[in-house]
C-alpha cells in the first residue's frame, strides 16, 4: 500500500475524533466485561475473548462496520485498502490485537489497587495503543490495532450520537438550574 493511496483514503473521510474513539471503546469494553462477569476465573477470560470476537468481528461485519460503541458515537471502521467495510481477516487481526489488550486491561482492573504495580502493567498496553493516535500523523491517526488490521476509524452518518445527546441534556439541565436560581 503506497502512502499516496493511504493519504487519499484519509482525505476522503472525516477521521474519528479522539474522544469519540475512547467513548466507543469504553462502551464496547464495559458491555463485553459485563457479559463475561457472570463467569469466574479462566472461564471469564475465555467468555470475554469469544464475546469480544463475536461482537467486534462478526457483528461489526454484519452491521456495516459498526460495533455497539461505534454506532452509539457515529463511528465506522473501514479498510484502508478497499475504502469499504473491512474483510473478516482484517477485522480479525484488528480485533484480536485490541481484544488481547482489552483482556489485559480487564485483568488489571480486576486486580484493582490490591496490587497497584500489576494493575498498572496490565492496563498500560491499551492506554499506549490509543495514545499512539495523538502523535501519529504519518499513519492518519491510526491506533496500533488499526495499523495491524489496515483499518481506519471514521465518522459516520449512521448512529445514535450519544455524546451529543448527553451534552444537549446537560445543557438543558444547566439552563433550567441557572434559571431556577434567578
N, C-alpha and C. Protein backbone atom coordinates (compact mmCIF):
# COMPACT_ATOMS: atom_id res chain seq x y z
N UNK A 1 0.85 -1.17 0.00
CA UNK A 1 0.00 0.00 0.00
C UNK A 1 0.89 1.23 0.00
N UNK A 2 0.71 2.10 -0.96
CA UNK A 2 1.52 3.31 -1.04
C UNK A 2 0.98 4.36 -0.09
N UNK A 3 1.87 5.28 0.30
CA UNK A 3 1.42 6.34 1.20
C UNK A 3 0.45 7.27 0.47
N UNK A 4 0.60 7.37 -0.86
CA UNK A 4 -0.33 8.19 -1.63
C UNK A 4 -1.76 7.63 -1.51
N UNK A 5 -1.90 6.31 -1.65
CA UNK A 5 -3.21 5.67 -1.52
C UNK A 5 -3.75 5.86 -0.11
N UNK A 6 -2.88 5.70 0.87
CA UNK A 6 -3.29 5.87 2.26
C UNK A 6 -3.78 7.29 2.51
N UNK A 7 -3.09 8.29 1.96
CA UNK A 7 -3.50 9.68 2.13
C UNK A 7 -4.84 9.94 1.46
N UNK A 8 -5.02 9.35 0.29
CA UNK A 8 -6.26 9.52 -0.45
C UNK A 8 -7.45 9.01 0.36
N UNK A 9 -7.29 7.85 0.94
CA UNK A 9 -8.37 7.28 1.75
C UNK A 9 -8.68 8.20 2.91
N UNK A 10 -7.65 8.66 3.58
CA UNK A 10 -7.83 9.52 4.74
C UNK A 10 -8.50 10.83 4.35
N UNK A 11 -8.11 11.40 3.22
CA UNK A 11 -8.64 12.69 2.80
C UNK A 11 -10.10 12.63 2.38
N UNK A 12 -10.59 11.48 2.00
CA UNK A 12 -11.99 11.35 1.58
C UNK A 12 -12.95 11.14 2.73
N UNK A 13 -12.44 10.93 3.93
CA UNK A 13 -13.28 10.65 5.08
C UNK A 13 -12.88 11.54 6.24
N UNK A 14 -13.83 11.81 7.11
CA UNK A 14 -13.54 12.60 8.31
C UNK A 14 -13.08 11.63 9.39
N UNK A 15 -11.84 11.85 9.87
CA UNK A 15 -11.31 10.94 10.88
C UNK A 15 -12.10 11.03 12.17
N UNK A 16 -12.08 9.95 12.91
CA UNK A 16 -12.81 9.87 14.18
C UNK A 16 -12.12 10.74 15.22
N UNK A 17 -12.87 11.60 15.90
CA UNK A 17 -12.29 12.39 16.99
C UNK A 17 -11.81 11.46 18.11
N UNK A 18 -10.72 11.84 18.75
CA UNK A 18 -10.11 11.01 19.78
C UNK A 18 -11.09 10.69 20.91
N UNK A 19 -11.86 11.68 21.36
CA UNK A 19 -12.77 11.43 22.48
C UNK A 19 -13.86 10.42 22.11
N UNK A 20 -14.39 10.51 20.91
CA UNK A 20 -15.42 9.56 20.48
C UNK A 20 -14.85 8.15 20.36
N UNK A 21 -13.61 8.07 19.90
CA UNK A 21 -12.90 6.79 19.82
C UNK A 21 -12.85 6.12 21.19
N UNK A 22 -12.46 6.91 22.18
CA UNK A 22 -12.34 6.40 23.55
C UNK A 22 -13.71 6.00 24.09
N UNK A 23 -14.71 6.86 23.89
CA UNK A 23 -16.06 6.54 24.38
C UNK A 23 -16.59 5.24 23.75
N UNK A 24 -16.38 5.09 22.44
CA UNK A 24 -16.85 3.89 21.75
C UNK A 24 -16.16 2.65 22.30
N UNK A 25 -14.84 2.74 22.49
CA UNK A 25 -14.11 1.61 23.05
C UNK A 25 -14.62 1.28 24.45
N UNK A 26 -14.79 2.30 25.28
CA UNK A 26 -15.25 2.07 26.65
C UNK A 26 -16.63 1.42 26.68
N UNK A 27 -17.53 1.86 25.81
CA UNK A 27 -18.86 1.25 25.76
C UNK A 27 -18.77 -0.22 25.37
N UNK A 28 -17.98 -0.53 24.34
CA UNK A 28 -17.80 -1.92 23.93
C UNK A 28 -17.13 -2.73 25.04
N UNK A 29 -16.08 -2.18 25.63
CA UNK A 29 -15.32 -2.86 26.68
C UNK A 29 -16.20 -3.17 27.89
N UNK A 30 -16.93 -2.18 28.36
CA UNK A 30 -17.77 -2.37 29.54
C UNK A 30 -18.90 -3.35 29.25
N UNK A 31 -19.48 -3.28 28.06
CA UNK A 31 -20.54 -4.21 27.68
C UNK A 31 -20.04 -5.65 27.69
N UNK A 32 -18.88 -5.87 27.07
CA UNK A 32 -18.33 -7.23 26.99
C UNK A 32 -17.86 -7.70 28.37
N UNK A 33 -17.28 -6.79 29.14
CA UNK A 33 -16.86 -7.15 30.50
C UNK A 33 -18.08 -7.55 31.34
N UNK A 34 -19.16 -6.78 31.20
CA UNK A 34 -20.39 -7.11 31.93
C UNK A 34 -20.90 -8.50 31.55
N UNK A 35 -20.95 -8.78 30.25
CA UNK A 35 -21.44 -10.09 29.79
C UNK A 35 -20.57 -11.23 30.31
N UNK A 36 -19.26 -11.00 30.41
CA UNK A 36 -18.36 -12.05 30.89
C UNK A 36 -18.30 -12.12 32.41
N UNK A 37 -18.84 -11.11 33.09
CA UNK A 37 -18.74 -11.06 34.55
C UNK A 37 -19.60 -12.10 35.27
N UNK A 38 -20.47 -12.77 34.53
CA UNK A 38 -21.29 -13.82 35.13
C UNK A 38 -20.49 -15.10 35.34
N UNK A 39 -19.25 -15.10 34.85
CA UNK A 39 -18.36 -16.25 34.98
C UNK A 39 -17.16 -15.85 35.83
N UNK A 40 -16.45 -16.83 36.34
CA UNK A 40 -15.30 -16.55 37.20
C UNK A 40 -14.05 -17.23 36.65
N UNK A 41 -12.90 -16.71 37.06
CA UNK A 41 -11.61 -17.33 36.74
C UNK A 41 -11.32 -17.36 35.25
N UNK A 42 -10.71 -18.45 34.83
CA UNK A 42 -10.30 -18.59 33.43
C UNK A 42 -11.51 -18.64 32.50
N UNK A 43 -12.65 -19.13 33.01
CA UNK A 43 -13.87 -19.16 32.20
C UNK A 43 -14.28 -17.74 31.81
N UNK A 44 -14.14 -16.81 32.73
CA UNK A 44 -14.47 -15.42 32.42
C UNK A 44 -13.57 -14.89 31.30
N UNK A 45 -12.29 -15.22 31.36
CA UNK A 45 -11.36 -14.76 30.33
C UNK A 45 -11.70 -15.34 28.96
N UNK A 46 -12.07 -16.62 28.95
CA UNK A 46 -12.45 -17.27 27.69
C UNK A 46 -13.74 -16.66 27.15
N UNK A 47 -14.73 -16.48 28.01
CA UNK A 47 -16.00 -15.87 27.60
C UNK A 47 -15.76 -14.44 27.10
N UNK A 48 -14.92 -13.68 27.80
CA UNK A 48 -14.59 -12.32 27.37
C UNK A 48 -13.99 -12.35 25.96
N UNK A 49 -13.02 -13.23 25.73
CA UNK A 49 -12.33 -13.30 24.43
C UNK A 49 -13.29 -13.68 23.31
N UNK A 50 -14.10 -14.73 23.53
CA UNK A 50 -15.03 -15.15 22.49
C UNK A 50 -16.12 -14.10 22.25
N UNK A 51 -16.62 -13.51 23.31
CA UNK A 51 -17.64 -12.47 23.16
C UNK A 51 -17.06 -11.28 22.41
N UNK A 52 -15.81 -10.92 22.73
CA UNK A 52 -15.15 -9.82 22.02
C UNK A 52 -15.09 -10.11 20.53
N UNK A 53 -14.64 -11.31 20.18
CA UNK A 53 -14.51 -11.64 18.76
C UNK A 53 -15.86 -11.69 18.07
N UNK A 54 -16.87 -12.23 18.73
CA UNK A 54 -18.21 -12.30 18.11
C UNK A 54 -18.78 -10.90 17.91
N UNK A 55 -18.77 -10.08 18.96
CA UNK A 55 -19.37 -8.75 18.86
C UNK A 55 -18.53 -7.78 18.04
N UNK A 56 -17.22 -7.93 18.07
CA UNK A 56 -16.36 -6.96 17.41
C UNK A 56 -15.94 -7.37 16.00
N UNK A 57 -16.11 -8.63 15.64
CA UNK A 57 -15.74 -9.06 14.28
C UNK A 57 -17.00 -9.42 13.50
N UNK A 58 -17.72 -10.40 13.95
CA UNK A 58 -18.88 -10.90 13.19
C UNK A 58 -20.00 -9.87 13.15
N UNK A 59 -20.38 -9.34 14.30
CA UNK A 59 -21.47 -8.36 14.35
C UNK A 59 -21.09 -7.08 13.61
N UNK A 60 -19.86 -6.62 13.78
CA UNK A 60 -19.40 -5.41 13.08
C UNK A 60 -19.45 -5.63 11.57
N UNK A 61 -19.05 -6.81 11.13
CA UNK A 61 -19.09 -7.12 9.71
C UNK A 61 -20.52 -7.11 9.18
N UNK A 62 -21.46 -7.61 9.97
CA UNK A 62 -22.87 -7.63 9.56
C UNK A 62 -23.56 -6.28 9.75
N UNK A 63 -22.98 -5.41 10.58
CA UNK A 63 -23.61 -4.13 10.92
C UNK A 63 -22.90 -2.94 10.26
N UNK A 64 -22.47 -3.11 9.03
CA UNK A 64 -21.90 -2.02 8.23
C UNK A 64 -20.70 -1.34 8.90
N UNK A 65 -19.84 -2.15 9.54
CA UNK A 65 -18.61 -1.61 10.12
C UNK A 65 -18.78 -0.93 11.46
N UNK A 66 -19.88 -1.19 12.14
CA UNK A 66 -20.13 -0.53 13.42
C UNK A 66 -20.38 -1.53 14.54
N UNK A 67 -19.62 -1.36 15.63
CA UNK A 67 -19.90 -2.08 16.87
C UNK A 67 -20.96 -1.28 17.62
N UNK A 68 -21.38 -1.76 18.77
CA UNK A 68 -22.33 -1.00 19.59
C UNK A 68 -21.75 0.38 19.92
N UNK A 69 -20.48 0.41 20.33
CA UNK A 69 -19.84 1.68 20.66
C UNK A 69 -19.71 2.60 19.46
N UNK A 70 -19.31 2.03 18.32
CA UNK A 70 -19.19 2.86 17.10
C UNK A 70 -20.55 3.41 16.69
N UNK A 71 -21.59 2.59 16.77
CA UNK A 71 -22.93 3.05 16.42
C UNK A 71 -23.38 4.16 17.37
N UNK A 72 -23.13 3.98 18.67
CA UNK A 72 -23.57 4.96 19.66
C UNK A 72 -22.89 6.31 19.48
N UNK A 73 -21.69 6.30 18.92
CA UNK A 73 -20.94 7.55 18.78
C UNK A 73 -20.66 7.92 17.32
N UNK A 74 -21.46 7.40 16.40
CA UNK A 74 -21.39 7.76 14.97
C UNK A 74 -20.03 7.51 14.35
N UNK A 75 -19.47 6.34 14.58
CA UNK A 75 -18.19 5.98 14.00
C UNK A 75 -18.35 4.73 13.15
N UNK A 76 -17.36 4.50 12.29
CA UNK A 76 -17.41 3.35 11.40
C UNK A 76 -15.98 2.91 11.11
N UNK A 77 -15.77 1.61 11.05
CA UNK A 77 -14.46 1.05 10.71
C UNK A 77 -14.45 0.75 9.23
N UNK A 78 -13.41 1.22 8.53
CA UNK A 78 -13.27 0.88 7.11
C UNK A 78 -11.85 0.40 6.84
N UNK A 79 -11.71 -0.33 5.77
CA UNK A 79 -10.41 -0.82 5.34
C UNK A 79 -9.69 0.28 4.58
N UNK A 80 -8.42 0.46 4.87
CA UNK A 80 -7.63 1.44 4.12
C UNK A 80 -7.51 1.01 2.67
N UNK A 81 -7.41 -0.27 2.44
CA UNK A 81 -7.18 -0.78 1.08
C UNK A 81 -8.41 -0.65 0.18
N UNK A 82 -9.58 -1.00 0.70
CA UNK A 82 -10.77 -1.04 -0.14
C UNK A 82 -11.71 0.14 0.05
N UNK A 83 -11.50 0.90 1.15
CA UNK A 83 -12.36 2.04 1.49
C UNK A 83 -13.80 1.59 1.75
N UNK A 84 -13.94 0.35 2.16
CA UNK A 84 -15.24 -0.23 2.48
C UNK A 84 -15.12 -0.96 3.83
N UNK A 85 -16.20 -1.61 4.22
CA UNK A 85 -16.17 -2.41 5.44
C UNK A 85 -15.03 -3.42 5.33
N UNK A 86 -14.21 -3.55 6.36
CA UNK A 86 -13.08 -4.48 6.29
C UNK A 86 -13.53 -5.92 6.09
N UNK A 87 -12.68 -6.69 5.43
CA UNK A 87 -12.94 -8.11 5.29
C UNK A 87 -12.74 -8.78 6.65
N UNK A 88 -13.26 -9.98 6.79
CA UNK A 88 -13.18 -10.68 8.07
C UNK A 88 -11.74 -10.85 8.55
N UNK A 89 -10.80 -11.13 7.63
CA UNK A 89 -9.41 -11.31 8.06
C UNK A 89 -8.81 -10.01 8.59
N UNK A 90 -9.16 -8.88 8.01
CA UNK A 90 -8.68 -7.59 8.52
C UNK A 90 -9.30 -7.29 9.89
N UNK A 91 -10.59 -7.56 10.01
CA UNK A 91 -11.26 -7.33 11.30
C UNK A 91 -10.72 -8.27 12.37
N UNK A 92 -10.44 -9.50 11.99
CA UNK A 92 -9.91 -10.46 12.95
C UNK A 92 -8.54 -10.01 13.47
N UNK A 93 -7.67 -9.54 12.58
CA UNK A 93 -6.35 -9.03 13.01
C UNK A 93 -6.52 -7.84 13.93
N UNK A 94 -7.37 -6.91 13.52
CA UNK A 94 -7.59 -5.69 14.30
C UNK A 94 -8.14 -6.02 15.69
N UNK A 95 -9.19 -6.81 15.71
CA UNK A 95 -9.88 -7.07 16.97
C UNK A 95 -9.18 -8.10 17.85
N UNK A 96 -8.39 -8.99 17.26
CA UNK A 96 -7.58 -9.90 18.09
C UNK A 96 -6.55 -9.08 18.85
N UNK A 97 -5.96 -8.09 18.19
CA UNK A 97 -4.98 -7.22 18.85
C UNK A 97 -5.66 -6.41 19.95
N UNK A 98 -6.74 -5.72 19.61
CA UNK A 98 -7.43 -4.89 20.59
C UNK A 98 -8.07 -5.74 21.69
N UNK A 99 -8.61 -6.88 21.32
CA UNK A 99 -9.23 -7.77 22.31
C UNK A 99 -8.22 -8.28 23.33
N UNK A 100 -7.01 -8.60 22.87
CA UNK A 100 -5.96 -9.04 23.80
C UNK A 100 -5.60 -7.92 24.76
N UNK A 101 -5.46 -6.70 24.23
CA UNK A 101 -5.14 -5.56 25.09
C UNK A 101 -6.28 -5.27 26.06
N UNK A 102 -7.52 -5.42 25.60
CA UNK A 102 -8.68 -5.21 26.46
C UNK A 102 -8.75 -6.28 27.55
N UNK A 103 -8.41 -7.52 27.20
CA UNK A 103 -8.38 -8.60 28.19
C UNK A 103 -7.35 -8.31 29.27
N UNK A 104 -6.16 -7.85 28.86
CA UNK A 104 -5.14 -7.47 29.85
C UNK A 104 -5.66 -6.35 30.75
N UNK A 105 -6.32 -5.36 30.15
CA UNK A 105 -6.86 -4.25 30.94
C UNK A 105 -7.92 -4.74 31.92
N UNK A 106 -8.78 -5.66 31.47
CA UNK A 106 -9.80 -6.21 32.36
C UNK A 106 -9.14 -6.92 33.54
N UNK A 107 -8.11 -7.70 33.26
CA UNK A 107 -7.40 -8.40 34.34
C UNK A 107 -6.77 -7.40 35.30
N UNK A 108 -6.18 -6.35 34.75
CA UNK A 108 -5.58 -5.31 35.59
C UNK A 108 -6.60 -4.59 36.44
N UNK A 109 -7.74 -4.29 35.87
CA UNK A 109 -8.78 -3.59 36.63
C UNK A 109 -9.42 -4.49 37.68
N UNK A 110 -9.46 -5.79 37.42
CA UNK A 110 -9.96 -6.73 38.43
C UNK A 110 -9.02 -6.81 39.62
N UNK A 111 -7.72 -6.70 39.37
CA UNK A 111 -6.74 -6.71 40.46
C UNK A 111 -6.94 -5.48 41.33
N UNK A 112 -7.31 -4.37 40.66
CA UNK A 112 -7.57 -3.10 41.32
C UNK A 112 -6.32 -2.64 42.06
N UNK A 113 -6.48 -2.02 43.18
CA UNK A 113 -5.34 -1.46 43.89
C UNK A 113 -4.72 -2.44 44.88
N UNK A 114 -5.21 -3.68 44.92
CA UNK A 114 -4.59 -4.68 45.79
C UNK A 114 -3.13 -4.88 45.40
N UNK A 115 -2.87 -4.81 44.11
CA UNK A 115 -1.51 -4.91 43.59
C UNK A 115 -1.38 -3.84 42.51
N UNK A 116 -1.10 -2.62 42.93
CA UNK A 116 -1.07 -1.47 42.03
C UNK A 116 -0.12 -1.61 40.87
N UNK A 117 1.04 -2.22 41.09
CA UNK A 117 2.02 -2.37 40.01
C UNK A 117 1.47 -3.29 38.92
N UNK A 118 0.87 -4.40 39.31
CA UNK A 118 0.29 -5.31 38.32
C UNK A 118 -0.84 -4.64 37.56
N UNK A 119 -1.67 -3.88 38.28
CA UNK A 119 -2.76 -3.17 37.63
C UNK A 119 -2.20 -2.20 36.59
N UNK A 120 -1.18 -1.46 36.96
CA UNK A 120 -0.56 -0.51 36.05
C UNK A 120 0.05 -1.21 34.84
N UNK A 121 0.76 -2.30 35.07
CA UNK A 121 1.39 -3.03 33.97
C UNK A 121 0.37 -3.64 33.01
N UNK A 122 -0.75 -4.09 33.54
CA UNK A 122 -1.76 -4.73 32.69
C UNK A 122 -2.65 -3.74 31.95
N UNK A 123 -2.82 -2.54 32.48
CA UNK A 123 -3.66 -1.55 31.79
C UNK A 123 -2.86 -0.65 30.85
N UNK A 124 -1.55 -0.59 31.03
CA UNK A 124 -0.72 0.29 30.20
C UNK A 124 -0.79 -0.03 28.70
N UNK A 125 -0.76 -1.30 28.27
CA UNK A 125 -0.77 -1.57 26.82
C UNK A 125 -1.95 -0.95 26.07
N UNK A 126 -3.16 -1.02 26.63
CA UNK A 126 -4.31 -0.44 25.93
C UNK A 126 -4.23 1.08 25.92
N UNK A 127 -3.69 1.67 26.97
CA UNK A 127 -3.50 3.13 27.01
C UNK A 127 -2.49 3.54 25.95
N UNK A 128 -1.40 2.80 25.83
CA UNK A 128 -0.38 3.10 24.82
C UNK A 128 -0.97 2.94 23.42
N UNK A 129 -1.76 1.88 23.21
CA UNK A 129 -2.38 1.65 21.91
C UNK A 129 -3.19 2.86 21.46
N UNK A 130 -4.00 3.40 22.35
CA UNK A 130 -4.81 4.56 21.98
C UNK A 130 -3.98 5.85 21.96
N UNK A 131 -2.94 5.93 22.76
CA UNK A 131 -2.10 7.13 22.80
C UNK A 131 -1.31 7.32 21.51
N UNK A 132 -1.09 6.25 20.78
CA UNK A 132 -0.37 6.33 19.51
C UNK A 132 -1.07 7.30 18.57
N UNK A 133 -2.39 7.38 18.66
CA UNK A 133 -3.18 8.28 17.80
C UNK A 133 -2.72 9.73 17.97
N UNK A 134 -2.43 10.11 19.19
CA UNK A 134 -2.13 11.52 19.48
C UNK A 134 -0.89 12.03 18.76
N UNK A 135 0.09 11.18 18.56
CA UNK A 135 1.31 11.63 17.89
C UNK A 135 1.52 10.97 16.54
N UNK A 136 0.47 10.45 15.95
CA UNK A 136 0.62 9.63 14.76
C UNK A 136 0.05 10.32 13.53
N UNK A 137 0.75 11.30 13.01
CA UNK A 137 0.29 11.98 11.80
C UNK A 137 0.64 11.18 10.54
N UNK A 138 1.71 10.40 10.61
CA UNK A 138 2.15 9.63 9.45
C UNK A 138 1.11 8.59 9.02
N UNK A 139 0.48 7.96 9.99
CA UNK A 139 -0.49 6.91 9.68
C UNK A 139 -1.93 7.38 9.88
N UNK A 140 -2.17 8.67 9.74
CA UNK A 140 -3.53 9.20 9.72
C UNK A 140 -4.34 8.84 10.96
N UNK A 141 -3.77 9.11 12.10
CA UNK A 141 -4.46 8.91 13.37
C UNK A 141 -4.93 7.48 13.57
N UNK A 142 -4.08 6.54 13.22
CA UNK A 142 -4.39 5.14 13.45
C UNK A 142 -3.82 4.69 14.80
N UNK A 143 -4.57 3.84 15.46
CA UNK A 143 -4.06 3.18 16.66
C UNK A 143 -3.22 1.99 16.20
N UNK A 144 -2.56 1.34 17.13
CA UNK A 144 -1.77 0.16 16.80
C UNK A 144 -2.67 -0.92 16.20
N UNK A 145 -3.84 -1.15 16.80
CA UNK A 145 -4.72 -2.20 16.27
C UNK A 145 -5.26 -1.84 14.89
N UNK A 146 -5.41 -0.55 14.58
CA UNK A 146 -5.80 -0.14 13.22
C UNK A 146 -4.68 -0.42 12.23
N UNK A 147 -3.44 -0.16 12.64
CA UNK A 147 -2.30 -0.43 11.76
C UNK A 147 -2.19 -1.92 11.47
N UNK A 148 -2.38 -2.76 12.48
CA UNK A 148 -2.30 -4.21 12.31
C UNK A 148 -3.39 -4.69 11.34
N UNK A 149 -4.59 -4.17 11.46
CA UNK A 149 -5.70 -4.60 10.62
C UNK A 149 -5.85 -3.83 9.33
N UNK A 150 -4.99 -2.83 9.09
CA UNK A 150 -5.08 -1.97 7.91
C UNK A 150 -6.46 -1.32 7.81
N UNK A 151 -6.88 -0.74 8.94
CA UNK A 151 -8.19 -0.10 9.01
C UNK A 151 -8.04 1.32 9.53
N UNK A 152 -9.08 2.11 9.35
CA UNK A 152 -9.17 3.42 9.99
C UNK A 152 -10.58 3.56 10.56
N UNK A 153 -10.69 4.42 11.54
CA UNK A 153 -11.98 4.70 12.16
C UNK A 153 -12.40 6.09 11.69
N UNK A 154 -13.58 6.17 11.09
CA UNK A 154 -14.06 7.43 10.53
C UNK A 154 -15.40 7.79 11.15
N UNK A 155 -15.80 9.04 10.96
CA UNK A 155 -17.14 9.45 11.38
C UNK A 155 -18.15 8.91 10.38
N UNK A 156 -19.34 8.65 10.89
CA UNK A 156 -20.39 8.06 10.07
C UNK A 156 -21.67 8.88 10.21
N UNK A 157 -22.49 8.85 9.19
CA UNK A 157 -23.80 9.49 9.25
C UNK A 157 -24.78 8.62 10.04
N UNK A 158 -24.46 7.33 10.15
CA UNK A 158 -25.34 6.35 10.77
C UNK A 158 -24.94 6.15 12.22
N UNK A 159 -25.84 6.42 13.14
CA UNK A 159 -25.53 6.21 14.55
C UNK A 159 -26.54 6.91 15.45
N UNK A 160 -26.23 6.90 16.73
CA UNK A 160 -27.14 7.40 17.75
C UNK A 160 -26.73 8.77 18.29
N UNK A 161 -25.48 9.18 18.09
CA UNK A 161 -24.94 10.46 18.59
C UNK A 161 -25.11 10.59 20.10
N UNK A 162 -24.77 9.54 20.82
CA UNK A 162 -24.97 9.51 22.27
C UNK A 162 -24.29 10.66 22.98
N UNK A 163 -23.06 10.97 22.60
CA UNK A 163 -22.34 12.06 23.27
C UNK A 163 -23.02 13.40 23.04
N UNK A 164 -23.53 13.63 21.84
CA UNK A 164 -24.21 14.89 21.55
C UNK A 164 -25.54 14.98 22.30
N UNK A 165 -26.23 13.87 22.41
CA UNK A 165 -27.50 13.85 23.16
C UNK A 165 -27.26 14.13 24.64
N UNK A 166 -26.21 13.53 25.19
CA UNK A 166 -25.89 13.76 26.61
C UNK A 166 -25.52 15.22 26.83
N UNK A 167 -24.71 15.79 25.92
CA UNK A 167 -24.34 17.21 26.04
C UNK A 167 -25.58 18.10 25.99
N UNK A 168 -26.51 17.78 25.10
CA UNK A 168 -27.74 18.57 24.97
C UNK A 168 -28.57 18.49 26.24
N UNK A 169 -28.70 17.29 26.80
CA UNK A 169 -29.46 17.12 28.05
C UNK A 169 -28.80 17.89 29.18
N UNK A 170 -27.48 17.79 29.30
CA UNK A 170 -26.77 18.50 30.36
C UNK A 170 -26.90 20.02 30.20
N UNK A 171 -26.87 20.48 28.96
CA UNK A 171 -27.02 21.92 28.70
C UNK A 171 -28.42 22.38 29.12
N UNK A 172 -29.44 21.59 28.80
CA UNK A 172 -30.81 21.91 29.19
C UNK A 172 -30.96 21.93 30.71
N UNK A 173 -30.40 20.93 31.37
CA UNK A 173 -30.45 20.88 32.84
C UNK A 173 -29.74 22.08 33.43
N UNK A 174 -28.59 22.42 32.87
CA UNK A 174 -27.82 23.57 33.36
C UNK A 174 -28.61 24.87 33.21
N UNK A 175 -29.25 25.05 32.05
CA UNK A 175 -30.06 26.26 31.82
C UNK A 175 -31.21 26.34 32.81
N UNK A 176 -31.90 25.21 33.04
CA UNK A 176 -33.02 25.20 33.98
C UNK A 176 -32.54 25.47 35.40
N UNK A 177 -31.37 24.96 35.75
CA UNK A 177 -30.81 25.17 37.08
C UNK A 177 -30.46 26.65 37.27
N UNK A 178 -29.81 27.24 36.28
CA UNK A 178 -29.44 28.66 36.35
C UNK A 178 -30.70 29.51 36.43
N UNK A 179 -31.72 29.15 35.63
CA UNK A 179 -32.98 29.89 35.61
C UNK A 179 -33.67 29.81 36.97
N UNK A 180 -33.60 28.64 37.62
CA UNK A 180 -34.25 28.48 38.93
C UNK A 180 -33.53 29.27 40.02
N UNK A 181 -32.27 29.60 39.82
CA UNK A 181 -31.53 30.39 40.81
C UNK A 181 -31.88 31.87 40.74
N UNK A 182 -32.41 32.31 39.60
CA UNK A 182 -32.72 33.74 39.43
C UNK A 182 -34.00 34.13 40.07
